[in-house]
């Protein structure tokens, strides 16, 4: 792992191990320092200090997929959660991503409206396709 001494996320990775919700060889998931009115707000942080533009897309896709899998369980009491893009990241030089519930301060709620995000369902219920007679199939 490559750490940068003056990076807040690199410091958090080293000093806040007791707050880790999940750890893998190349990333950790932990609560964010600032909750901004949310009941639950977490982030995935790539362990190596690398910027958004320099992280390989294949690795980013794997990280996002792992984060969604974890978040669906973490936010299981909510029907949906927000997976927030890094458009306004306060630390853009170190790859990380935020997931949060929809409770927020008015200022944060407005920020969420302007920030690209995905609303992800925690539980997907399968509904069979019905034909005109109300049955399945032909």
Protein backbone atom coordinates (compact mmCIF):
# COMPACT_ATOMS: atom_id res chain seq x y z
CA UNK A 1 0.00 0.00 0.00
CA UNK A 2 1.15 3.51 -0.73
CA UNK A 3 0.36 6.02 2.03
CA UNK A 4 0.72 9.75 1.87
CA UNK A 5 1.53 11.37 5.20
CA UNK A 6 -0.58 14.51 4.69
CA UNK A 7 -3.68 12.70 3.35
CA UNK A 8 -6.66 12.60 5.78
CA UNK A 9 -7.87 9.28 4.35
CA UNK A 10 -4.45 7.65 4.64
CA UNK A 11 -4.35 8.82 8.26
CA UNK A 12 -7.85 7.45 8.89
CA UNK A 13 -6.83 4.08 7.47
CA UNK A 14 -4.01 3.88 9.99
CA UNK A 15 -5.61 5.49 13.06
CA UNK A 16 -9.23 4.36 12.89
CA UNK A 17 -8.90 0.60 12.45
CA UNK A 18 -11.27 0.07 15.39
CA UNK A 19 -14.04 1.74 13.31
CA UNK A 20 -13.69 -0.52 10.28
CA UNK A 21 -16.98 -2.15 9.33
CA UNK A 22 -15.26 -4.36 6.76
CA UNK A 23 -11.67 -4.85 5.63
CA UNK A 24 -10.28 -6.58 2.54
CA UNK A 25 -6.75 -6.72 1.21
CA UNK A 26 -7.12 -3.57 -0.90
CA UNK A 27 -10.00 -1.59 0.66
CA UNK A 28 -11.85 -0.83 3.87
CA UNK A 29 -15.41 0.28 4.63
CA UNK A 30 -15.96 2.55 7.61
CA UNK A 31 -18.34 5.27 8.84
CA UNK A 32 -17.61 8.77 7.60
CA UNK A 33 -16.26 11.29 10.07
CA UNK A 34 -19.01 13.82 9.25
CA UNK A 35 -22.54 12.43 9.28
CA UNK A 36 -24.18 15.59 7.83
CA UNK A 37 -27.52 14.72 9.43
CA UNK A 38 -27.66 11.17 8.09
CA UNK A 39 -28.42 8.26 10.41
CA UNK A 40 -26.02 6.10 8.42
CA UNK A 41 -23.22 7.36 6.16
CA UNK A 42 -20.32 5.12 5.19
CA UNK A 43 -17.44 5.12 2.76
CA UNK A 44 -15.25 2.66 0.96
CA UNK A 45 -11.61 3.71 0.78
CA UNK A 46 -9.02 2.19 -1.50
CA UNK A 47 -6.00 1.40 0.68
CA UNK A 48 -3.47 2.69 -1.84
CA UNK A 49 -3.26 6.45 -2.18
CA UNK A 50 -4.44 6.98 -5.76
CA UNK A 51 -6.67 9.63 -7.33
CA UNK A 52 -9.97 9.05 -9.11
CA UNK A 53 -8.46 9.66 -12.53
CA UNK A 54 -5.52 7.30 -11.93
CA UNK A 55 -7.40 4.29 -10.57
CA UNK A 56 -7.85 1.56 -13.15
CA UNK A 57 -11.50 1.32 -14.23
CA UNK A 58 -11.55 -2.46 -13.69
CA UNK A 59 -10.47 -2.00 -10.07
CA UNK A 60 -13.01 0.80 -9.58
CA UNK A 61 -15.82 -1.43 -10.90
CA UNK A 62 -14.84 -4.20 -8.48
CA UNK A 63 -14.71 -1.75 -5.55
CA UNK A 64 -18.12 -0.27 -6.40
CA UNK A 65 -19.65 -3.73 -6.73
CA UNK A 66 -18.26 -4.81 -3.34
CA UNK A 67 -19.49 -1.55 -1.80
CA UNK A 68 -23.01 -2.02 -3.16
CA UNK A 69 -23.11 -5.60 -1.86
CA UNK A 70 -22.03 -4.47 1.61
CA UNK A 71 -24.31 -1.40 1.61
CA UNK A 72 -27.44 -3.42 0.76
CA UNK A 73 -26.93 -5.33 4.01
CA UNK A 74 -25.85 -2.27 6.01
CA UNK A 75 -28.88 -0.20 4.94
CA UNK A 76 -31.30 -3.15 5.11
CA UNK A 77 -33.80 -1.25 7.29
CA UNK A 78 -34.20 1.37 4.55
CA UNK A 79 -35.95 0.75 1.21
CA UNK A 80 -33.16 2.59 -0.66
CA UNK A 81 -29.84 4.28 -0.08
CA UNK A 82 -27.78 6.74 -2.11
CA UNK A 83 -24.49 5.80 -3.73
CA UNK A 84 -22.88 9.20 -4.21
CA UNK A 85 -20.54 10.10 -7.06
CA UNK A 86 -17.26 11.84 -6.25
CA UNK A 87 -18.16 15.10 -8.04
CA UNK A 88 -17.77 17.20 -4.89
CA UNK A 89 -15.38 14.96 -2.94
CA UNK A 90 -13.46 16.90 -0.31
CA UNK A 91 -10.43 14.65 -0.81
CA UNK A 92 -10.31 13.98 -4.57
CA UNK A 93 -6.68 12.89 -4.52
CA UNK A 94 -7.54 9.60 -2.71
CA UNK A 95 -10.18 7.27 -4.20
CA UNK A 96 -13.22 6.73 -1.99
CA UNK A 97 -16.99 6.61 -2.37
CA UNK A 98 -19.89 7.46 -0.05
CA UNK A 99 -23.16 5.65 0.59
CA UNK A 100 -25.81 7.18 2.83
CA UNK A 101 -29.43 7.03 3.86
CA UNK A 102 -31.83 9.77 2.81
CA UNK A 103 -31.99 11.52 6.20
CA UNK A 104 -29.89 14.66 6.05
CA UNK A 105 -29.62 18.28 7.05
CA UNK A 106 -31.33 20.66 4.59
CA UNK A 107 -27.93 21.78 3.25
CA UNK A 108 -26.78 18.18 2.71
CA UNK A 109 -30.12 17.26 1.11
CA UNK A 110 -29.68 20.10 -1.37
CA UNK A 111 -26.10 18.95 -2.06
CA UNK A 112 -27.39 15.40 -2.72
CA UNK A 113 -29.90 16.78 -5.22
CA UNK A 114 -27.07 18.41 -7.21
CA UNK A 115 -24.53 15.60 -6.88
CA UNK A 116 -24.79 12.69 -9.30
CA UNK A 117 -25.93 9.66 -7.32
CA UNK A 118 -27.72 6.38 -7.72
CA UNK A 119 -30.66 5.36 -5.59
CA UNK A 120 -30.16 1.67 -4.85
CA UNK A 121 -32.90 -0.61 -3.56
CA UNK A 122 -31.92 -2.72 -0.58
CA UNK A 123 -34.46 -5.42 -1.36
CA UNK A 124 -35.72 -6.32 -4.79
CA UNK A 125 -38.98 -8.25 -4.87
CA UNK A 126 -39.58 -10.44 -7.87
CA UNK A 127 -42.99 -10.09 -9.44
CA UNK A 128 -43.97 -12.60 -12.11
CA UNK A 129 -45.12 -11.30 -15.45
CA UNK A 130 -48.82 -12.08 -15.86
CA UNK A 131 -50.63 -12.58 -19.13
CA UNK A 132 -54.03 -11.08 -19.98
CA UNK A 133 -55.81 -13.94 -18.16
CA UNK A 134 -53.96 -13.21 -14.90
CA UNK A 135 -51.78 -16.29 -15.22
CA UNK A 136 -48.15 -16.91 -16.07
CA UNK A 137 -46.98 -18.10 -19.46
CA UNK A 138 -48.94 -18.32 -22.72
